[in-house]
N, C-alpha and C. Protein backbone atom coordinates (compact mmCIF):
# COMPACT_ATOMS: atom_id res chain seq x y z
N MET A 1 -24.05 89.89 106.99
CA MET A 1 -22.92 88.91 107.00
C MET A 1 -23.33 87.68 107.62
N GLY A 2 -23.48 86.47 107.09
CA GLY A 2 -23.61 85.26 107.83
C GLY A 2 -22.59 84.85 108.75
N ILE A 3 -22.67 84.00 109.61
CA ILE A 3 -21.66 83.47 110.48
C ILE A 3 -21.16 82.05 109.68
N LEU A 4 -19.72 82.14 109.82
CA LEU A 4 -19.09 81.16 109.01
C LEU A 4 -19.45 79.83 109.94
N SER A 5 -19.86 78.99 109.53
CA SER A 5 -19.92 77.51 110.28
C SER A 5 -19.26 76.50 109.71
N ILE A 6 -18.22 75.97 110.66
CA ILE A 6 -17.55 74.71 110.06
C ILE A 6 -18.00 73.32 110.50
N LYS A 7 -18.31 72.71 109.58
CA LYS A 7 -19.08 71.47 110.07
C LYS A 7 -18.35 70.36 110.42
N THR A 8 -18.44 69.47 111.62
CA THR A 8 -17.55 68.53 112.07
C THR A 8 -18.14 67.42 111.40
N ILE A 9 -17.34 66.46 110.94
CA ILE A 9 -17.58 65.37 110.16
C ILE A 9 -16.96 64.17 111.12
N VAL A 10 -17.92 63.22 111.54
CA VAL A 10 -17.58 62.11 112.30
C VAL A 10 -17.43 61.01 111.56
N ILE A 11 -16.56 60.09 111.75
CA ILE A 11 -16.39 58.75 110.94
C ILE A 11 -16.41 57.67 111.82
N ILE A 12 -16.38 56.46 110.95
CA ILE A 12 -16.33 55.10 112.27
C ILE A 12 -15.03 54.49 111.61
N VAL A 13 -14.13 54.33 112.74
CA VAL A 13 -12.83 53.69 112.55
C VAL A 13 -12.92 52.26 113.29
N ALA A 14 -12.62 51.22 112.46
CA ALA A 14 -12.55 49.91 113.25
C ALA A 14 -11.13 49.38 113.44
N THR A 15 -10.80 48.72 114.61
CA THR A 15 -9.59 48.28 114.80
C THR A 15 -9.75 46.55 114.84
N PHE A 16 -9.46 46.05 113.75
CA PHE A 16 -9.24 44.64 113.54
C PHE A 16 -8.64 44.08 114.71
N THR A 17 -9.38 43.10 115.48
CA THR A 17 -8.64 42.30 116.58
C THR A 17 -8.14 40.98 116.13
N GLY A 18 -8.42 40.49 115.08
CA GLY A 18 -7.83 39.16 114.64
C GLY A 18 -6.25 39.32 114.42
N GLY A 19 -5.86 40.36 114.11
CA GLY A 19 -4.37 40.52 113.79
C GLY A 19 -3.38 40.90 114.96
N ASP A 20 -2.46 41.97 114.62
CA ASP A 20 -1.69 42.61 115.72
C ASP A 20 -2.20 43.79 116.19
N GLY A 21 -3.46 44.06 115.91
CA GLY A 21 -4.06 45.20 116.66
C GLY A 21 -3.81 46.61 115.99
N ASN A 22 -3.05 46.40 115.03
CA ASN A 22 -2.61 47.57 114.22
C ASN A 22 -3.38 48.02 112.79
N ASP A 23 -4.30 46.99 112.54
CA ASP A 23 -4.96 47.15 111.39
C ASP A 23 -6.38 48.14 111.45
N GLN A 24 -6.39 49.01 111.00
CA GLN A 24 -7.43 50.06 111.04
C GLN A 24 -8.39 49.97 109.88
N TYR A 25 -9.71 49.75 110.05
CA TYR A 25 -10.56 50.00 108.75
C TYR A 25 -11.41 51.38 108.83
N VAL A 26 -11.65 51.91 107.96
CA VAL A 26 -12.28 53.23 107.92
C VAL A 26 -13.63 53.15 107.03
N PHE A 27 -14.76 53.24 107.65
CA PHE A 27 -15.90 53.18 106.83
C PHE A 27 -16.04 54.57 106.14
N ASP A 28 -16.95 54.38 104.98
CA ASP A 28 -17.24 55.65 104.19
C ASP A 28 -18.47 56.46 104.76
N LYS A 29 -18.86 56.05 105.74
CA LYS A 29 -20.18 56.47 106.31
C LYS A 29 -19.93 58.07 107.10
N LYS A 30 -20.41 58.80 107.05
CA LYS A 30 -20.00 60.32 107.75
C LYS A 30 -21.57 60.67 108.73
N PHE A 31 -21.05 60.98 109.79
CA PHE A 31 -22.02 61.68 110.71
C PHE A 31 -21.93 62.96 110.96
N GLU A 32 -22.71 63.75 111.60
CA GLU A 32 -22.57 64.94 112.12
C GLU A 32 -22.21 65.11 113.54
N THR A 33 -22.61 64.29 114.33
CA THR A 33 -22.14 64.06 115.67
C THR A 33 -21.74 62.69 116.20
N LYS A 34 -20.94 62.50 117.14
CA LYS A 34 -20.37 61.38 117.97
C LYS A 34 -21.67 60.55 118.31
N GLU A 35 -22.74 61.12 118.83
CA GLU A 35 -23.90 60.38 119.28
C GLU A 35 -24.74 59.60 118.01
N GLN A 36 -24.61 60.36 116.97
CA GLN A 36 -25.37 59.73 115.92
C GLN A 36 -24.52 58.63 115.55
N CYS A 37 -23.25 58.79 115.38
CA CYS A 37 -22.23 57.60 114.97
C CYS A 37 -22.43 56.44 115.93
N SER A 38 -22.30 56.77 117.27
CA SER A 38 -22.27 55.64 118.34
C SER A 38 -23.78 55.00 118.27
N ASN A 39 -24.76 55.63 117.99
CA ASN A 39 -25.88 55.06 117.91
C ASN A 39 -26.13 54.16 116.66
N TYR A 40 -25.62 54.59 115.59
CA TYR A 40 -25.62 53.79 114.27
C TYR A 40 -24.66 52.43 114.58
N VAL A 41 -23.40 52.64 115.19
CA VAL A 41 -22.72 51.58 115.42
C VAL A 41 -23.36 50.60 116.52
N ARG A 42 -24.04 51.13 117.43
CA ARG A 42 -24.70 49.98 118.43
C ARG A 42 -25.85 49.35 117.74
N ASP A 43 -26.62 50.21 116.95
CA ASP A 43 -27.85 49.54 116.10
C ASP A 43 -27.30 48.52 114.93
N ASN A 44 -26.04 48.83 114.57
CA ASN A 44 -25.60 47.93 113.22
C ASN A 44 -24.24 47.11 113.51
N PHE A 45 -24.14 46.89 114.84
CA PHE A 45 -22.52 46.36 115.28
C PHE A 45 -22.31 45.17 114.27
N ASN A 46 -23.61 44.16 114.52
CA ASN A 46 -23.25 42.65 113.77
C ASN A 46 -22.86 42.84 112.28
N ALA A 47 -23.56 43.75 111.67
CA ALA A 47 -23.38 43.85 110.28
C ALA A 47 -21.85 44.60 109.90
N LEU A 48 -21.54 45.63 110.75
CA LEU A 48 -20.40 46.02 110.63
C LEU A 48 -19.14 45.34 111.03
N ASN A 49 -19.48 44.74 112.04
CA ASN A 49 -18.27 43.73 112.50
C ASN A 49 -18.02 42.60 111.46
N ALA A 50 -19.18 41.98 110.99
CA ALA A 50 -19.14 40.93 109.86
C ALA A 50 -18.32 41.57 108.55
N HIS A 51 -18.48 43.01 108.16
CA HIS A 51 -17.96 43.64 107.21
C HIS A 51 -16.37 43.79 107.27
N VAL A 52 -16.08 43.96 108.57
CA VAL A 52 -14.63 44.02 108.81
C VAL A 52 -13.94 42.70 108.65
N ASN A 53 -14.47 41.78 109.43
CA ASN A 53 -13.86 40.37 109.25
C ASN A 53 -13.86 39.76 107.99
N LYS A 54 -14.75 40.16 107.08
CA LYS A 54 -14.94 39.65 105.65
C LYS A 54 -13.85 40.49 104.89
N ASN A 55 -13.55 41.61 105.06
CA ASN A 55 -12.57 42.38 104.72
C ASN A 55 -11.00 41.78 104.94
N TYR A 56 -10.79 41.22 105.99
CA TYR A 56 -9.64 40.58 106.42
C TYR A 56 -9.52 39.23 106.49
N ASN A 57 -10.58 38.42 105.75
CA ASN A 57 -10.80 36.98 105.63
C ASN A 57 -10.68 36.37 106.79
N TYR A 58 -11.45 36.73 107.84
CA TYR A 58 -11.49 36.14 109.33
C TYR A 58 -12.87 35.78 109.68
N ARG A 59 -12.95 35.19 110.95
CA ARG A 59 -14.11 34.38 111.53
C ARG A 59 -15.29 35.77 111.43
N LEU A 60 -16.24 35.48 111.06
CA LEU A 60 -17.36 36.55 110.99
C LEU A 60 -17.92 36.92 112.71
N ASP A 61 -17.64 35.92 113.37
CA ASP A 61 -18.30 36.17 114.83
C ASP A 61 -17.04 36.96 115.72
N SER A 62 -15.87 37.08 115.01
CA SER A 62 -14.92 37.62 116.01
C SER A 62 -14.90 39.10 116.14
N PRO A 63 -15.20 39.65 117.43
CA PRO A 63 -15.56 41.11 117.75
C PRO A 63 -14.39 41.93 117.61
N ASN A 64 -14.80 43.09 116.94
CA ASN A 64 -13.72 44.17 116.64
C ASN A 64 -14.09 45.54 117.45
N LEU A 65 -13.11 46.20 117.54
CA LEU A 65 -13.61 47.48 118.27
C LEU A 65 -13.88 48.77 117.35
N PHE A 66 -14.80 49.64 117.75
CA PHE A 66 -15.47 50.65 116.75
C PHE A 66 -15.03 51.82 117.36
N TYR A 67 -14.76 52.96 116.82
CA TYR A 67 -14.62 54.16 117.28
C TYR A 67 -15.28 55.05 116.46
N CYS A 68 -15.98 56.02 117.03
CA CYS A 68 -16.41 57.26 116.36
C CYS A 68 -15.38 58.38 116.66
N ILE A 69 -15.03 59.07 115.52
CA ILE A 69 -13.74 59.91 115.80
C ILE A 69 -14.01 61.17 114.63
N ASN A 70 -13.70 62.40 115.09
CA ASN A 70 -13.64 63.36 114.02
C ASN A 70 -12.77 63.14 112.95
N LYS A 71 -13.13 63.28 112.04
CA LYS A 71 -12.43 62.92 110.63
C LYS A 71 -11.14 63.76 110.63
N GLU A 72 -11.15 64.81 110.88
CA GLU A 72 -9.94 65.74 110.67
C GLU A 72 -8.69 65.38 111.83
N LEU A 73 -9.20 65.11 113.01
CA LEU A 73 -8.34 64.44 113.99
C LEU A 73 -7.72 63.24 113.62
N PHE A 74 -8.54 62.43 113.08
CA PHE A 74 -8.22 61.11 112.71
C PHE A 74 -6.99 61.14 111.81
N SER A 75 -7.27 62.16 110.69
CA SER A 75 -6.28 62.13 109.53
C SER A 75 -4.92 62.65 110.19
N LYS A 76 -5.21 63.76 111.03
CA LYS A 76 -4.02 64.48 111.43
C LYS A 76 -3.19 63.14 112.21
N HIS A 77 -3.92 62.48 113.17
CA HIS A 77 -3.13 61.43 113.67
C HIS A 77 -2.59 60.51 112.92
N LEU A 78 -3.33 59.94 111.92
CA LEU A 78 -2.75 58.90 110.94
C LEU A 78 -1.52 59.57 110.18
N LYS A 79 -1.37 60.74 109.85
CA LYS A 79 -0.26 61.27 109.30
C LYS A 79 1.01 61.39 110.10
N GLU A 80 0.52 61.98 111.42
CA GLU A 80 1.70 61.67 112.45
C GLU A 80 2.28 60.59 112.70
N MET A 81 1.35 59.40 112.81
CA MET A 81 1.76 58.15 112.79
C MET A 81 2.77 57.56 111.68
N ARG A 82 2.42 57.97 110.57
CA ARG A 82 3.10 57.48 109.42
C ARG A 82 4.47 58.31 109.30
N ASN A 83 4.45 59.64 109.52
CA ASN A 83 5.59 60.29 109.63
C ASN A 83 6.75 59.74 110.69
N ARG A 84 6.23 59.22 111.87
CA ARG A 84 6.99 58.58 112.79
C ARG A 84 7.66 57.19 112.29
N LEU A 85 6.84 56.49 111.59
CA LEU A 85 7.22 55.12 111.30
C LEU A 85 8.27 55.46 110.12
N THR A 86 8.21 56.16 109.43
CA THR A 86 9.13 56.64 108.32
C THR A 86 10.27 57.55 108.54
N GLY A 87 10.23 58.15 109.71
CA GLY A 87 11.24 59.03 110.21
C GLY A 87 11.05 60.47 109.82
N VAL A 88 9.94 60.71 109.13
CA VAL A 88 9.75 62.17 108.55
C VAL A 88 9.30 63.19 109.67
N LYS A 89 10.16 64.21 109.73
CA LYS A 89 9.58 65.46 110.75
C LYS A 89 8.71 66.25 110.15
N ILE A 90 7.43 66.72 110.94
CA ILE A 90 6.50 67.72 110.45
C ILE A 90 6.99 68.93 110.96
């Protein structure tokens, strides 16, 4: 019998700072560790930042905030936030 291994998936989430600070952009790219994700964001910041700003039709040079976060934790947090906003209890 082999050991069951649960693979952690880390994703990039950007907060668009040109609005009210509540706009989140989730990238499709996935990583196995936060370190890999952080290195990717650092090495590709300008392109990632421009991509987010283009998505919101905003100035390309406006800096945004980038986070590397566990996909499952982010999904859970997002669901909880939506439920709070709609008054649904979990």
